[in-house]
Amino acid sequence: RIYEQLIRGLRGYDLIRVQITCLPEELEKREKLRGDRHAGSAKASLEYLYPKDGYDLCLDTCELSPEACCEKLLILLSNMA
Protein backbone atom coordinates (compact mmCIF):
# COMPACT_ATOMS: atom_id res chain seq x y z
CA ARG A 1 0.00 0.00 0.00
CA ILE A 2 2.73 2.49 0.92
CA TYR A 3 4.72 1.61 -2.19
CA GLU A 4 1.69 2.19 -4.44
CA GLN A 5 1.03 5.56 -2.79
CA LEU A 6 4.63 6.56 -3.36
CA ILE A 7 4.51 5.56 -7.03
CA ARG A 8 1.27 7.54 -7.52
CA GLY A 9 2.77 10.56 -5.75
CA LEU A 10 5.83 10.50 -7.99
CA ARG A 11 3.91 10.07 -11.23
CA GLY A 12 5.44 12.28 -13.89
CA TYR A 13 8.99 11.77 -12.66
CA ASP A 14 11.49 9.34 -14.16
CA LEU A 15 11.98 6.72 -11.48
CA ILE A 16 14.72 4.18 -11.13
CA ARG A 17 13.57 1.22 -9.06
CA VAL A 18 16.35 -0.54 -7.20
CA GLN A 19 15.73 -3.66 -5.15
CA ILE A 20 18.13 -4.31 -2.28
CA THR A 21 18.06 -7.87 -0.97
CA CYS A 22 19.89 -10.32 1.26
CA LEU A 23 19.17 -13.66 2.84
CA PRO A 24 16.70 -13.71 5.75
CA GLU A 25 19.40 -15.13 8.02
CA GLU A 26 21.67 -12.20 7.20
CA LEU A 27 18.80 -9.78 7.84
CA GLU A 28 18.37 -11.25 11.31
CA LYS A 29 22.10 -11.01 11.98
CA ARG A 30 22.23 -7.36 10.87
CA GLU A 31 19.11 -6.59 12.87
CA LYS A 32 20.75 -7.89 16.06
CA LEU A 33 23.97 -5.98 15.37
CA ARG A 34 22.11 -2.71 14.89
CA GLY A 35 20.44 -3.02 18.26
CA ASP A 36 17.68 -0.54 17.42
CA ARG A 37 15.23 -2.95 15.78
CA HIS A 38 12.59 -5.27 17.15
CA ALA A 39 13.62 -8.90 16.73
CA GLY A 40 11.95 -10.38 13.66
CA SER A 41 10.89 -7.11 12.06
CA ALA A 42 13.31 -7.41 9.14
CA LYS A 43 12.19 -10.93 8.28
CA ALA A 44 8.53 -9.97 8.57
CA SER A 45 9.11 -7.04 6.21
CA LEU A 46 10.18 -9.40 3.44
CA GLU A 47 6.58 -10.43 2.88
CA TYR A 48 4.86 -7.07 2.49
CA LEU A 49 7.12 -4.05 2.12
CA TYR A 50 8.02 -4.16 -1.53
CA PRO A 51 6.88 -5.67 -4.83
CA LYS A 52 8.67 -8.80 -6.01
CA ASP A 53 9.36 -7.63 -9.58
CA GLY A 54 9.55 -4.57 -11.83
CA TYR A 55 12.97 -3.27 -10.81
CA ASP A 56 15.56 -1.61 -13.00
CA LEU A 57 18.36 -3.07 -10.87
CA CYS A 58 18.53 -5.75 -8.18
CA LEU A 59 21.41 -5.77 -5.69
CA ASP A 60 22.08 -8.62 -3.27
CA THR A 61 24.04 -7.25 -0.34
CA CYS A 62 25.10 -10.75 0.71
CA GLU A 63 26.96 -11.12 -2.58
CA LEU A 64 28.04 -7.52 -3.20
CA SER A 65 29.99 -5.07 -1.07
CA PRO A 66 28.60 -1.56 -0.60
CA GLU A 67 31.22 -0.36 -3.10
CA ALA A 68 30.14 -2.96 -5.69
CA CYS A 69 26.49 -1.97 -5.22
CA CYS A 70 27.39 1.68 -5.82
CA GLU A 71 29.37 0.76 -8.90
CA LYS A 72 26.44 -1.17 -10.39
CA LEU A 73 24.11 1.73 -9.69
CA LEU A 74 26.50 4.20 -11.28
CA ILE A 75 26.75 2.00 -14.37
CA LEU A 76 22.96 1.91 -14.65
CA LEU A 77 22.75 5.68 -14.30
CA SER A 78 25.47 6.32 -16.85
CA ASN A 79 23.74 4.02 -19.34
CA MET A 80 20.50 5.96 -18.89
CA ALA A 81 22.09 9.37 -19.54
C-alpha atoms as a PDB file:
ATOM      1  CA  ARG A   1       0.000   0.000   0.000  1.00  0.00           C
ATOM      2  CA  ILE A   2       2.728   2.485   0.925  1.00  0.00           C
ATOM      3  CA  TYR A   3       4.723   1.612  -2.189  1.00  0.00           C
ATOM      4  CA  GLU A   4       1.691   2.187  -4.441  1.00  0.00           C
ATOM      5  CA  GLN A   5       1.031   5.557  -2.789  1.00  0.00           C
ATOM      6  CA  LEU A   6       4.634   6.556  -3.361  1.00  0.00           C
ATOM      7  CA  ILE A   7       4.512   5.561  -7.035  1.00  0.00           C
ATOM      8  CA  ARG A   8       1.273   7.537  -7.516  1.00  0.00           C
ATOM      9  CA  GLY A   9       2.775  10.562  -5.751  1.00  0.00           C
ATOM     10  CA  LEU A  10       5.833  10.504  -7.988  1.00  0.00           C
ATOM     11  CA  ARG A  11       3.909  10.065 -11.233  1.00  0.00           C
ATOM     12  CA  GLY A  12       5.443  12.277 -13.894  1.00  0.00           C
ATOM     13  CA  TYR A  13       8.995  11.768 -12.662  1.00  0.00           C
ATOM     14  CA  ASP A  14      11.491   9.337 -14.162  1.00  0.00           C
ATOM     15  CA  LEU A  15      11.976   6.725 -11.478  1.00  0.00           C
ATOM     16  CA  ILE A  16      14.723   4.176 -11.129  1.00  0.00           C
ATOM     17  CA  ARG A  17      13.572   1.218  -9.063  1.00  0.00           C
ATOM     18  CA  VAL A  18      16.349  -0.544  -7.203  1.00  0.00           C
ATOM     19  CA  GLN A  19      15.726  -3.663  -5.146  1.00  0.00           C
ATOM     20  CA  ILE A  20      18.134  -4.307  -2.280  1.00  0.00           C
ATOM     21  CA  THR A  21      18.058  -7.875  -0.973  1.00  0.00           C
ATOM     22  CA  CYS A  22      19.892 -10.316   1.257  1.00  0.00           C
ATOM     23  CA  LEU A  23      19.174 -13.664   2.837  1.00  0.00           C
ATOM     24  CA  PRO A  24      16.700 -13.707   5.751  1.00  0.00           C
ATOM     25  CA  GLU A  25      19.403 -15.131   8.022  1.00  0.00           C
ATOM     26  CA  GLU A  26      21.666 -12.198   7.198  1.00  0.00           C
ATOM     27  CA  LEU A  27      18.798  -9.776   7.837  1.00  0.00           C
ATOM     28  CA  GLU A  28      18.374 -11.247  11.308  1.00  0.00           C
ATOM     29  CA  LYS A  29      22.104 -11.007  11.979  1.00  0.00           C
ATOM     30  CA  ARG A  30      22.232  -7.362  10.872  1.00  0.00           C
ATOM     31  CA  GLU A  31      19.110  -6.591  12.874  1.00  0.00           C
ATOM     32  CA  LYS A  32      20.747  -7.887  16.064  1.00  0.00           C
ATOM     33  CA  LEU A  33      23.974  -5.981  15.366  1.00  0.00           C
ATOM     34  CA  ARG A  34      22.110  -2.705  14.895  1.00  0.00           C
ATOM     35  CA  GLY A  35      20.436  -3.018  18.264  1.00  0.00           C
ATOM     36  CA  ASP A  36      17.677  -0.538  17.422  1.00  0.00           C
ATOM     37  CA  ARG A  37      15.235  -2.950  15.777  1.00  0.00           C
ATOM     38  CA  HIS A  38      12.587  -5.267  17.147  1.00  0.00           C
ATOM     39  CA  ALA A  39      13.622  -8.901  16.733  1.00  0.00           C
ATOM     40  CA  GLY A  40      11.953 -10.384  13.661  1.00  0.00           C
ATOM     41  CA  SER A  41      10.887  -7.109  12.055  1.00  0.00           C
ATOM     42  CA  ALA A  42      13.314  -7.410   9.144  1.00  0.00           C
ATOM     43  CA  LYS A  43      12.194 -10.930   8.280  1.00  0.00           C
ATOM     44  CA  ALA A  44       8.525  -9.970   8.565  1.00  0.00           C
ATOM     45  CA  SER A  45       9.115  -7.041   6.207  1.00  0.00           C
ATOM     46  CA  LEU A  46      10.180  -9.404   3.435  1.00  0.00           C
ATOM     47  CA  GLU A  47       6.579 -10.430   2.881  1.00  0.00           C
ATOM     48  CA  TYR A  48       4.858  -7.065   2.494  1.00  0.00           C
ATOM     49  CA  LEU A  49       7.123  -4.046   2.121  1.00  0.00           C
ATOM     50  CA  TYR A  50       8.024  -4.162  -1.527  1.00  0.00           C
ATOM     51  CA  PRO A  51       6.884  -5.667  -4.826  1.00  0.00           C
ATOM     52  CA  LYS A  52       8.668  -8.796  -6.011  1.00  0.00           C
ATOM     53  CA  ASP A  53       9.361  -7.631  -9.582  1.00  0.00           C
ATOM     54  CA  GLY A  54       9.548  -4.574 -11.835  1.00  0.00           C
ATOM     55  CA  TYR A  55      12.971  -3.268 -10.809  1.00  0.00           C
ATOM     56  CA  ASP A  56      15.564  -1.614 -13.002  1.00  0.00           C
ATOM     57  CA  LEU A  57      18.363  -3.073 -10.872  1.00  0.00           C
ATOM     58  CA  CYS A  58      18.533  -5.752  -8.184  1.00  0.00           C
ATOM     59  CA  LEU A  59      21.407  -5.767  -5.691  1.00  0.00           C
ATOM     60  CA  ASP A  60      22.080  -8.625  -3.273  1.00  0.00           C
ATOM     61  CA  THR A  61      24.040  -7.254  -0.337  1.00  0.00           C
ATOM     62  CA  CYS A  62      25.103 -10.753   0.711  1.00  0.00           C
ATOM     63  CA  GLU A  63      26.960 -11.122  -2.580  1.00  0.00           C
ATOM     64  CA  LEU A  64      28.045  -7.523  -3.201  1.00  0.00           C
ATOM     65  CA  SER A  65      29.993  -5.069  -1.073  1.00  0.00           C
ATOM     66  CA  PRO A  66      28.604  -1.559  -0.599  1.00  0.00           C
ATOM     67  CA  GLU A  67      31.215  -0.364  -3.102  1.00  0.00           C
ATOM     68  CA  ALA A  68      30.139  -2.955  -5.695  1.00  0.00           C
ATOM     69  CA  CYS A  69      26.490  -1.970  -5.216  1.00  0.00           C
ATOM     70  CA  CYS A  70      27.394   1.679  -5.820  1.00  0.00           C
ATOM     71  CA  GLU A  71      29.372   0.756  -8.901  1.00  0.00           C
ATOM     72  CA  LYS A  72      26.444  -1.170 -10.394  1.00  0.00           C
ATOM     73  CA  LEU A  73      24.108   1.729  -9.688  1.00  0.00           C
ATOM     74  CA  LEU A  74      26.499   4.203 -11.281  1.00  0.00           C
ATOM     75  CA  ILE A  75      26.750   1.999 -14.366  1.00  0.00           C
ATOM     76  CA  LEU A  76      22.957   1.910 -14.648  1.00  0.00           C
ATOM     77  CA  LEU A  77      22.751   5.678 -14.298  1.00  0.00           C
ATOM     78  CA  SER A  78      25.475   6.317 -16.855  1.00  0.00           C
ATOM     79  CA  ASN A  79      23.736   4.022 -19.343  1.00  0.00           C
ATOM     80  CA  MET A  80      20.503   5.964 -18.888  1.00  0.00           C
ATOM     81  CA  ALA A  81      22.091   9.366 -19.543  1.00  0.00           C
END
